[in-house]
Amino acid sequence: MAAALAGFGGQALARPPEALACALQAAPAGLDARIADVILSQDRARGRPALDDLRALTDRCSDDQFLTPHQHDSYFSYVYGRMGRDVLDTRLTAEGIPSAIVDQALDIGPGNANNPAEKVTEGDLRLVAEALGKAGHDPARVTPRGWALITAWIVATATMFDGLRDLD
């Protein structure tokens, strides 16, 4: 229980992996794809049922982990981005676009800087196009769906790491 608390005796404790995995493991089948669709469409109003399902799930896990109200929101953001990334990675692969190239180009993803991001910029997409070219993937051959998936991947990654950063 103490490990689930953000701090104890003035020292920050690392959040155990099982606390972060709660909603991912408890999610009903298909919720991750519905969340990825919300990120991809950028239509939160149409995606409200999926977002409501995710909120109920993350609130249950947050309560189980004794998270504060602010941490409930951070955990929601983390899981929203994480679920999106998991599905979007598969979709990017199907388009022939390695997500690792996007991560490297923008210094995002596990082990990278993951600077907070408000939105995806043309500069971000230019960096990705350059990285794709250097890796032997002609950016001119990326379909509109591929670019939409890249944009969604960037949004999911920023959201996931913003939530993770705010949890502790």
C-alpha atoms as a PDB file:
ATOM      1  CA  MET A   1       0.000   0.000   0.000  1.00  0.00           C
ATOM      2  CA  ALA A   2       2.828   2.417   0.821  1.00  0.00           C
ATOM      3  CA  ALA A   3       4.295   1.949  -2.653  1.00  0.00           C
ATOM      4  CA  ALA A   4       1.038   3.179  -4.155  1.00  0.00           C
ATOM      5  CA  LEU A   5       1.384   6.507  -2.392  1.00  0.00           C
ATOM      6  CA  ALA A   6       3.162   9.314  -4.206  1.00  0.00           C
ATOM      7  CA  GLY A   7       5.489   9.962  -1.304  1.00  0.00           C
ATOM      8  CA  PHE A   8       6.284   8.803   2.194  1.00  0.00           C
ATOM      9  CA  GLY A   9       8.349  10.654   4.766  1.00  0.00           C
ATOM     10  CA  GLY A  10       9.359  13.275   2.197  1.00  0.00           C
ATOM     11  CA  GLN A  11      10.763  10.704  -0.204  1.00  0.00           C
ATOM     12  CA  ALA A  12       9.095   9.936  -3.501  1.00  0.00           C
ATOM     13  CA  LEU A  13       8.446   6.280  -4.078  1.00  0.00           C
ATOM     14  CA  ALA A  14       8.393   4.768  -7.539  1.00  0.00           C
ATOM     15  CA  ARG A  15       4.940   3.660  -8.614  1.00  0.00           C
ATOM     16  CA  PRO A  16       4.960  -0.125  -8.991  1.00  0.00           C
ATOM     17  CA  PRO A  17       4.319  -1.434 -12.505  1.00  0.00           C
ATOM     18  CA  GLU A  18       1.196  -3.286 -11.393  1.00  0.00           C
ATOM     19  CA  ALA A  19      -0.403   0.032 -10.380  1.00  0.00           C
ATOM     20  CA  LEU A  20       0.093   1.365 -13.899  1.00  0.00           C
ATOM     21  CA  ALA A  21      -1.053  -1.897 -15.501  1.00  0.00           C
ATOM     22  CA  CYS A  22      -4.349  -2.182 -13.582  1.00  0.00           C
ATOM     23  CA  ALA A  23      -6.601  -0.593 -16.223  1.00  0.00           C
ATOM     24  CA  LEU A  24      -4.696  -2.177 -19.103  1.00  0.00           C
ATOM     25  CA  GLN A  25      -5.202  -5.631 -17.635  1.00  0.00           C
ATOM     26  CA  ALA A  26      -8.818  -5.049 -16.566  1.00  0.00           C
ATOM     27  CA  ALA A  27      -9.973  -3.425 -19.828  1.00  0.00           C
ATOM     28  CA  PRO A  28     -12.720  -5.201 -21.728  1.00  0.00           C
ATOM     29  CA  ALA A  29     -11.763  -6.556 -25.134  1.00  0.00           C
ATOM     30  CA  GLY A  30     -11.827  -3.886 -27.804  1.00  0.00           C
ATOM     31  CA  LEU A  31     -11.658  -0.834 -25.532  1.00  0.00           C
ATOM     32  CA  ASP A  32      -8.082  -0.198 -26.634  1.00  0.00           C
ATOM     33  CA  ALA A  33      -9.133  -0.100 -30.316  1.00  0.00           C
ATOM     34  CA  ARG A  34     -12.028   2.237 -29.490  1.00  0.00           C
ATOM     35  CA  ILE A  35      -9.623   4.569 -27.677  1.00  0.00           C
ATOM     36  CA  ALA A  36      -7.194   4.488 -30.617  1.00  0.00           C
ATOM     37  CA  ASP A  37     -10.113   5.410 -32.884  1.00  0.00           C
ATOM     38  CA  VAL A  38     -10.898   8.437 -30.690  1.00  0.00           C
ATOM     39  CA  ILE A  39      -7.281   9.582 -30.856  1.00  0.00           C
ATOM     40  CA  LEU A  40      -7.151   9.017 -34.600  1.00  0.00           C
ATOM     41  CA  SER A  41     -10.436  10.795 -35.322  1.00  0.00           C
ATOM     42  CA  GLN A  42      -9.759  13.638 -32.872  1.00  0.00           C
ATOM     43  CA  ASP A  43     -13.514  13.598 -32.270  1.00  0.00           C
ATOM     44  CA  ARG A  44     -13.972  13.348 -28.523  1.00  0.00           C
ATOM     45  CA  ALA A  45     -17.725  14.010 -28.790  1.00  0.00           C
ATOM     46  CA  ARG A  46     -18.282  11.001 -31.037  1.00  0.00           C
ATOM     47  CA  GLY A  47     -15.871   8.981 -28.894  1.00  0.00           C
ATOM     48  CA  ARG A  48     -17.656   9.881 -25.644  1.00  0.00           C
ATOM     49  CA  PRO A  49     -18.915   6.311 -24.976  1.00  0.00           C
ATOM     50  CA  ALA A  50     -15.362   4.926 -25.183  1.00  0.00           C
ATOM     51  CA  LEU A  51     -14.013   7.777 -23.066  1.00  0.00           C
ATOM     52  CA  ASP A  52     -16.732   7.208 -20.455  1.00  0.00           C
ATOM     53  CA  ASP A  53     -15.895   3.491 -20.338  1.00  0.00           C
ATOM     54  CA  LEU A  54     -12.208   4.327 -19.930  1.00  0.00           C
ATOM     55  CA  ARG A  55     -12.964   6.875 -17.186  1.00  0.00           C
ATOM     56  CA  ALA A  56     -14.986   4.322 -15.205  1.00  0.00           C
ATOM     57  CA  LEU A  57     -12.189   1.780 -15.559  1.00  0.00           C
ATOM     58  CA  THR A  58      -9.370   4.164 -14.601  1.00  0.00           C
ATOM     59  CA  ASP A  59     -11.369   5.557 -11.675  1.00  0.00           C
ATOM     60  CA  ARG A  60     -11.839   2.021 -10.289  1.00  0.00           C
ATOM     61  CA  CYS A  61      -8.112   1.349 -10.587  1.00  0.00           C
ATOM     62  CA  SER A  62      -7.253   4.770  -9.159  1.00  0.00           C
ATOM     63  CA  ASP A  63      -9.467   4.091  -6.141  1.00  0.00           C
ATOM     64  CA  ASP A  64      -7.824   0.682  -5.673  1.00  0.00           C
ATOM     65  CA  GLN A  65      -4.408   2.365  -5.714  1.00  0.00           C
ATOM     66  CA  PHE A  66      -5.457   5.195  -3.352  1.00  0.00           C
ATOM     67  CA  LEU A  67      -4.684   7.886  -5.910  1.00  0.00           C
ATOM     68  CA  THR A  68      -5.651  11.503  -5.269  1.00  0.00           C
ATOM     69  CA  PRO A  69      -8.316  13.191  -7.438  1.00  0.00           C
ATOM     70  CA  HIS A  70      -5.556  14.893  -9.495  1.00  0.00           C
ATOM     71  CA  GLN A  71      -3.831  11.538  -9.930  1.00  0.00           C
ATOM     72  CA  HIS A  72      -7.133  10.052 -11.195  1.00  0.00           C
ATOM     73  CA  ASP A  73      -6.960  12.492 -14.112  1.00  0.00           C
ATOM     74  CA  SER A  74      -3.264  11.784 -14.663  1.00  0.00           C
ATOM     75  CA  TYR A  75      -3.887   8.044 -14.627  1.00  0.00           C
ATOM     76  CA  PHE A  76      -6.712   8.475 -17.145  1.00  0.00           C
ATOM     77  CA  SER A  77      -4.312  10.399 -19.439  1.00  0.00           C
ATOM     78  CA  TYR A  78      -1.617   7.767 -19.030  1.00  0.00           C
ATOM     79  CA  VAL A  79      -3.961   4.866 -19.874  1.00  0.00           C
ATOM     80  CA  TYR A  80      -5.633   6.782 -22.727  1.00  0.00           C
ATOM     81  CA  GLY A  81      -2.257   7.375 -24.355  1.00  0.00           C
ATOM     82  CA  ARG A  82      -0.903   3.929 -23.553  1.00  0.00           C
ATOM     83  CA  MET A  83      -3.922   2.084 -24.957  1.00  0.00           C
ATOM     84  CA  GLY A  84      -3.807   4.282 -28.029  1.00  0.00           C
ATOM     85  CA  ARG A  85      -0.099   3.628 -28.556  1.00  0.00           C
ATOM     86  CA  ASP A  86      -0.527  -0.119 -28.273  1.00  0.00           C
ATOM     87  CA  VAL A  87      -3.151  -0.227 -31.033  1.00  0.00           C
ATOM     88  CA  LEU A  88      -1.647   2.527 -33.173  1.00  0.00           C
ATOM     89  CA  ASP A  89       1.693   0.710 -33.232  1.00  0.00           C
ATOM     90  CA  THR A  90       0.012  -2.246 -34.935  1.00  0.00           C
ATOM     91  CA  ARG A  91      -1.764   0.041 -37.384  1.00  0.00           C
ATOM     92  CA  LEU A  92       1.457   1.910 -38.211  1.00  0.00           C
ATOM     93  CA  THR A  93       3.223  -1.398 -38.814  1.00  0.00           C
ATOM     94  CA  ALA A  94       0.449  -2.421 -41.210  1.00  0.00           C
ATOM     95  CA  GLU A  95       1.141   0.814 -43.145  1.00  0.00           C
ATOM     96  CA  GLY A  96       4.862  -0.025 -43.256  1.00  0.00           C
ATOM     97  CA  ILE A  97       5.803   2.765 -40.850  1.00  0.00           C
ATOM     98  CA  PRO A  98       7.998   1.770 -37.903  1.00  0.00           C
ATOM     99  CA  SER A  99       6.865   3.680 -34.815  1.00  0.00           C
ATOM    100  CA  ALA A 100      10.479   3.681 -33.571  1.00  0.00           C
ATOM    101  CA  ILE A 101      11.388   6.092 -36.375  1.00  0.00           C
ATOM    102  CA  VAL A 102       8.726   8.537 -35.187  1.00  0.00           C
ATOM    103  CA  ASP A 103       9.929   8.174 -31.593  1.00  0.00           C
ATOM    104  CA  GLN A 104      13.558   8.791 -32.545  1.00  0.00           C
ATOM    105  CA  ALA A 105      12.773  11.739 -34.799  1.00  0.00           C
ATOM    106  CA  LEU A 106      10.877  13.563 -32.048  1.00  0.00           C
ATOM    107  CA  ASP A 107      12.745  12.212 -28.995  1.00  0.00           C
ATOM    108  CA  ILE A 108       9.528  10.653 -27.693  1.00  0.00           C
ATOM    109  CA  GLY A 109       8.684   7.217 -26.384  1.00  0.00           C
ATOM    110  CA  PRO A 110      10.262   5.066 -23.683  1.00  0.00           C
ATOM    111  CA  GLY A 111      13.716   6.255 -22.667  1.00  0.00           C
ATOM    112  CA  ASN A 112      13.446   9.595 -24.503  1.00  0.00           C
ATOM    113  CA  ALA A 113      12.884  13.216 -23.400  1.00  0.00           C
ATOM    114  CA  ASN A 114       9.105  13.217 -23.963  1.00  0.00           C
ATOM    115  CA  ASN A 115       8.724  16.942 -23.690  1.00  0.00           C
ATOM    116  CA  PRO A 116       5.132  17.981 -23.025  1.00  0.00           C
ATOM    117  CA  ALA A 117       3.278  18.625 -26.266  1.00  0.00           C
ATOM    118  CA  GLU A 118       0.205  20.754 -26.788  1.00  0.00           C
ATOM    119  CA  LYS A 119      -0.280  19.752 -30.408  1.00  0.00           C
ATOM    120  CA  VAL A 120       1.466  18.174 -33.373  1.00  0.00           C
ATOM    121  CA  THR A 121       3.139  20.801 -35.553  1.00  0.00           C
ATOM    122  CA  GLU A 122       4.207  20.899 -39.191  1.00  0.00           C
ATOM    123  CA  GLY A 123       7.766  20.961 -37.848  1.00  0.00           C
ATOM    124  CA  ASP A 124       7.153  17.661 -36.074  1.00  0.00           C
ATOM    125  CA  LEU A 125       5.863  16.081 -39.266  1.00  0.00           C
ATOM    126  CA  ARG A 126       8.825  17.463 -41.235  1.00  0.00           C
ATOM    127  CA  LEU A 127      11.221  15.855 -38.739  1.00  0.00           C
ATOM    128  CA  VAL A 128       9.367  12.554 -39.100  1.00  0.00           C
ATOM    129  CA  ALA A 129       9.462  12.818 -42.915  1.00  0.00           C
ATOM    130  CA  GLU A 130      13.222  13.432 -42.798  1.00  0.00           C
ATOM    131  CA  ALA A 131      13.730  10.489 -40.434  1.00  0.00           C
ATOM    132  CA  LEU A 132      11.630   8.231 -42.641  1.00  0.00           C
ATOM    133  CA  GLY A 133      13.738   9.226 -45.655  1.00  0.00           C
ATOM    134  CA  LYS A 134      16.992   8.555 -43.793  1.00  0.00           C
ATOM    135  CA  ALA A 135      15.666   5.134 -42.781  1.00  0.00           C
ATOM    136  CA  GLY A 136      14.874   4.239 -46.392  1.00  0.00           C
ATOM    137  CA  HIS A 137      11.128   4.906 -46.287  1.00  0.00           C
ATOM    138  CA  ASP A 138      10.080   7.402 -48.944  1.00  0.00           C
ATOM    139  CA  PRO A 139       7.911   9.959 -47.095  1.00  0.00           C
ATOM    140  CA  ALA A 140       6.149  10.804 -50.375  1.00  0.00           C
ATOM    141  CA  ARG A 141       4.751   7.275 -50.380  1.00  0.00           C
ATOM    142  CA  VAL A 142       3.149   7.638 -46.944  1.00  0.00           C
ATOM    143  CA  THR A 143      -0.609   7.650 -47.448  1.00  0.00           C
ATOM    144  CA  PRO A 144      -2.921  10.208 -45.845  1.00  0.00           C
ATOM    145  CA  ARG A 145      -3.973   7.430 -43.459  1.00  0.00           C
ATOM    146  CA  GLY A 146      -0.301   6.857 -42.635  1.00  0.00           C
ATOM    147  CA  TRP A 147       0.182  10.541 -41.785  1.00  0.00           C
ATOM    148  CA  ALA A 148      -2.994  10.482 -39.679  1.00  0.00           C
ATOM    149  CA  LEU A 149      -1.642   7.449 -37.815  1.00  0.00           C
ATOM    150  CA  ILE A 150       1.700   9.199 -37.272  1.00  0.00           C
ATOM    151  CA  THR A 151      -0.103  12.244 -35.889  1.00  0.00           C
ATOM    152  CA  ALA A 152      -2.246  10.040 -33.629  1.00  0.00           C
ATOM    153  CA  TRP A 153       0.886   8.196 -32.448  1.00  0.00           C
ATOM    154  CA  ILE A 154       2.522  11.503 -31.482  1.00  0.00           C
ATOM    155  CA  VAL A 155      -0.614  12.634 -29.619  1.00  0.00           C
ATOM    156  CA  ALA A 156      -0.954   9.293 -27.810  1.00  0.00           C
ATOM    157  CA  THR A 157       2.710   9.350 -26.811  1.00  0.00           C
ATOM    158  CA  ALA A 158       2.563  12.923 -25.498  1.00  0.00           C
ATOM    159  CA  THR A 159      -0.628  12.181 -23.573  1.00  0.00           C
ATOM    160  CA  MET A 160       0.778   8.996 -22.079  1.00  0.00           C
ATOM    161  CA  PHE A 161       3.986  10.607 -20.872  1.00  0.00           C
ATOM    162  CA  ASP A 162       2.254  13.774 -19.663  1.00  0.00           C
ATOM    163  CA  GLY A 163      -0.027  11.584 -17.543  1.00  0.00           C
ATOM    164  CA  LEU A 164       2.868   9.468 -16.291  1.00  0.00           C
ATOM    165  CA  ARG A 165       4.884  12.566 -15.393  1.00  0.00           C
ATOM    166  CA  ASP A 166       1.930  13.962 -13.397  1.00  0.00           C
ATOM    167  CA  LEU A 167       1.302  10.718 -11.520  1.00  0.00           C
ATOM    168  CA  ASP A 168       4.393  10.949  -9.343  1.00  0.00           C
END
